[in-house]
């Protein structure tokens, strides 16, 4: 950051890097990592519970083939997630940046 001018993120938070594009990428990455971990943990829990109850045989997840309807629905949900992740990078407010930044 130059001359004590700090880019501001909407909501009054300071940006971390002089280049707001890096902040946008960081926000997007953190959103992806958060989503990934939450879903990974939930899948692990679900698999463990289903296997303990004898509902899901070992290897069933690896041999599963989605129907066309499931594939279409999952593609739609994947697209929505990608849009949400990209929008996380749009919360940087450049109005406090100097022209030399």
C-alpha atoms as a PDB file:
ATOM      1  CA  UNK A   1       0.000   0.000   0.000  1.00  0.00           C
ATOM      2  CA  UNK A   2       1.443   3.395  -0.862  1.00  0.00           C
ATOM      3  CA  UNK A   3       1.185   6.723   0.950  1.00  0.00           C
ATOM      4  CA  UNK A   4      -0.952   5.285   3.738  1.00  0.00           C
ATOM      5  CA  UNK A   5      -3.926   4.876   1.395  1.00  0.00           C
ATOM      6  CA  UNK A   6      -5.569   1.550   2.036  1.00  0.00           C
ATOM      7  CA  UNK A   7      -8.058  -0.052  -0.314  1.00  0.00           C
ATOM      8  CA  UNK A   8     -11.284  -0.738   1.526  1.00  0.00           C
ATOM      9  CA  UNK A   9     -13.369  -3.843   1.227  1.00  0.00           C
ATOM     10  CA  UNK A  10     -17.095  -3.172   1.306  1.00  0.00           C
ATOM     11  CA  UNK A  11     -18.185  -3.282   4.899  1.00  0.00           C
ATOM     12  CA  UNK A  12     -15.193  -1.234   6.096  1.00  0.00           C
ATOM     13  CA  UNK A  13     -12.616  -4.033   6.299  1.00  0.00           C
ATOM     14  CA  UNK A  14      -9.097  -3.301   5.083  1.00  0.00           C
ATOM     15  CA  UNK A  15      -7.720  -5.104   2.077  1.00  0.00           C
ATOM     16  CA  UNK A  16      -4.668  -7.313   2.577  1.00  0.00           C
ATOM     17  CA  UNK A  17      -2.660  -6.536  -0.564  1.00  0.00           C
ATOM     18  CA  UNK A  18      -1.863  -3.384  -2.533  1.00  0.00           C
ATOM     19  CA  UNK A  19      -3.392  -4.947  -5.627  1.00  0.00           C
ATOM     20  CA  UNK A  20      -7.135  -5.427  -5.095  1.00  0.00           C
ATOM     21  CA  UNK A  21      -7.147  -8.175  -7.710  1.00  0.00           C
ATOM     22  CA  UNK A  22      -5.018 -10.273  -5.369  1.00  0.00           C
ATOM     23  CA  UNK A  23      -7.568  -9.644  -2.611  1.00  0.00           C
ATOM     24  CA  UNK A  24     -10.316 -10.774  -4.954  1.00  0.00           C
ATOM     25  CA  UNK A  25      -8.456 -13.970  -5.773  1.00  0.00           C
ATOM     26  CA  UNK A  26      -7.758 -14.588  -2.100  1.00  0.00           C
ATOM     27  CA  UNK A  27     -11.449 -14.132  -1.259  1.00  0.00           C
ATOM     28  CA  UNK A  28     -12.407 -16.542  -4.022  1.00  0.00           C
ATOM     29  CA  UNK A  29      -9.837 -19.103  -2.912  1.00  0.00           C
ATOM     30  CA  UNK A  30     -10.932 -18.902   0.711  1.00  0.00           C
ATOM     31  CA  UNK A  31     -14.554 -19.407  -0.351  1.00  0.00           C
ATOM     32  CA  UNK A  32     -13.604 -22.489  -2.373  1.00  0.00           C
ATOM     33  CA  UNK A  33     -11.497 -23.913   0.450  1.00  0.00           C
ATOM     34  CA  UNK A  34     -14.274 -23.361   2.959  1.00  0.00           C
ATOM     35  CA  UNK A  35     -16.873 -25.024   0.734  1.00  0.00           C
ATOM     36  CA  UNK A  36     -14.519 -27.895  -0.011  1.00  0.00           C
ATOM     37  CA  UNK A  37     -13.812 -28.623   3.639  1.00  0.00           C
ATOM     38  CA  UNK A  38     -17.458 -28.400   4.738  1.00  0.00           C
ATOM     39  CA  UNK A  39     -18.544 -30.788   2.008  1.00  0.00           C
ATOM     40  CA  UNK A  40     -15.614 -33.145   2.546  1.00  0.00           C
ATOM     41  CA  UNK A  41     -16.424 -33.407   6.238  1.00  0.00           C
ATOM     42  CA  UNK A  42     -20.122 -34.002   5.574  1.00  0.00           C
ATOM     43  CA  UNK A  43     -19.367 -36.743   3.027  1.00  0.00           C
ATOM     44  CA  UNK A  44     -16.999 -38.449   5.461  1.00  0.00           C
ATOM     45  CA  UNK A  45     -19.641 -38.359   8.195  1.00  0.00           C
ATOM     46  CA  UNK A  46     -22.360 -39.612   5.857  1.00  0.00           C
ATOM     47  CA  UNK A  47     -20.227 -42.480   4.548  1.00  0.00           C
ATOM     48  CA  UNK A  48     -19.232 -43.514   8.083  1.00  0.00           C
ATOM     49  CA  UNK A  49     -22.828 -43.499   9.343  1.00  0.00           C
ATOM     50  CA  UNK A  50     -24.163 -45.389   6.330  1.00  0.00           C
ATOM     51  CA  UNK A  51     -21.399 -47.987   6.523  1.00  0.00           C
ATOM     52  CA  UNK A  52     -21.864 -48.439  10.293  1.00  0.00           C
ATOM     53  CA  UNK A  53     -25.577 -49.046   9.720  1.00  0.00           C
ATOM     54  CA  UNK A  54     -24.912 -51.471   6.866  1.00  0.00           C
ATOM     55  CA  UNK A  55     -26.703 -49.293   4.321  1.00  0.00           C
ATOM     56  CA  UNK A  56     -23.658 -48.504   2.176  1.00  0.00           C
ATOM     57  CA  UNK A  57     -21.391 -51.391   1.216  1.00  0.00           C
ATOM     58  CA  UNK A  58     -17.629 -50.781   0.895  1.00  0.00           C
ATOM     59  CA  UNK A  59     -16.779 -49.446  -2.585  1.00  0.00           C
ATOM     60  CA  UNK A  60     -20.354 -48.452  -3.448  1.00  0.00           C
ATOM     61  CA  UNK A  61     -19.419 -44.793  -3.893  1.00  0.00           C
ATOM     62  CA  UNK A  62     -16.625 -45.636  -6.333  1.00  0.00           C
ATOM     63  CA  UNK A  63     -18.877 -47.738  -8.583  1.00  0.00           C
ATOM     64  CA  UNK A  64     -21.917 -45.423  -8.570  1.00  0.00           C
ATOM     65  CA  UNK A  65     -23.103 -44.130 -11.964  1.00  0.00           C
ATOM     66  CA  UNK A  66     -25.367 -41.066 -11.931  1.00  0.00           C
ATOM     67  CA  UNK A  67     -28.541 -40.957 -14.006  1.00  0.00           C
ATOM     68  CA  UNK A  68     -28.930 -38.337 -16.731  1.00  0.00           C
ATOM     69  CA  UNK A  69     -31.309 -36.371 -14.470  1.00  0.00           C
ATOM     70  CA  UNK A  70     -28.856 -36.479 -11.568  1.00  0.00           C
ATOM     71  CA  UNK A  71     -26.003 -35.411 -13.835  1.00  0.00           C
ATOM     72  CA  UNK A  72     -28.028 -32.464 -15.149  1.00  0.00           C
ATOM     73  CA  UNK A  73     -29.032 -31.353 -11.650  1.00  0.00           C
ATOM     74  CA  UNK A  74     -25.474 -31.648 -10.350  1.00  0.00           C
ATOM     75  CA  UNK A  75     -24.135 -29.720 -13.337  1.00  0.00           C
ATOM     76  CA  UNK A  76     -26.608 -26.922 -12.590  1.00  0.00           C
ATOM     77  CA  UNK A  77     -25.570 -26.849  -8.928  1.00  0.00           C
ATOM     78  CA  UNK A  78     -21.894 -26.852  -9.910  1.00  0.00           C
ATOM     79  CA  UNK A  79     -22.452 -23.890 -12.213  1.00  0.00           C
ATOM     80  CA  UNK A  80     -24.243 -22.000  -9.415  1.00  0.00           C
ATOM     81  CA  UNK A  81     -21.324 -22.654  -7.056  1.00  0.00           C
ATOM     82  CA  UNK A  82     -18.817 -21.386  -9.618  1.00  0.00           C
ATOM     83  CA  UNK A  83     -20.850 -18.184 -10.018  1.00  0.00           C
ATOM     84  CA  UNK A  84     -20.957 -17.758  -6.240  1.00  0.00           C
ATOM     85  CA  UNK A  85     -17.202 -18.243  -5.921  1.00  0.00           C
ATOM     86  CA  UNK A  86     -16.498 -15.728  -8.672  1.00  0.00           C
ATOM     87  CA  UNK A  87     -18.844 -13.204  -7.041  1.00  0.00           C
ATOM     88  CA  UNK A  88     -16.789 -13.458  -3.821  1.00  0.00           C
ATOM     89  CA  UNK A  89     -14.061 -11.595  -5.683  1.00  0.00           C
ATOM     90  CA  UNK A  90     -16.355  -8.704  -6.455  1.00  0.00           C
ATOM     91  CA  UNK A  91     -16.581  -7.317  -2.916  1.00  0.00           C
ATOM     92  CA  UNK A  92     -13.549  -5.045  -3.181  1.00  0.00           C
ATOM     93  CA  UNK A  93     -14.253  -1.329  -3.322  1.00  0.00           C
ATOM     94  CA  UNK A  94     -11.596   0.518  -5.342  1.00  0.00           C
ATOM     95  CA  UNK A  95     -12.811   4.040  -4.535  1.00  0.00           C
ATOM     96  CA  UNK A  96     -10.057   4.566  -1.924  1.00  0.00           C
ATOM     97  CA  UNK A  97      -7.206   3.536  -4.253  1.00  0.00           C
ATOM     98  CA  UNK A  98      -4.823   6.158  -5.527  1.00  0.00           C
ATOM     99  CA  UNK A  99      -4.147   6.209  -9.298  1.00  0.00           C
ATOM    100  CA  UNK A 100      -0.573   4.994  -8.689  1.00  0.00           C
ATOM    101  CA  UNK A 101      -1.728   1.764  -6.917  1.00  0.00           C
END
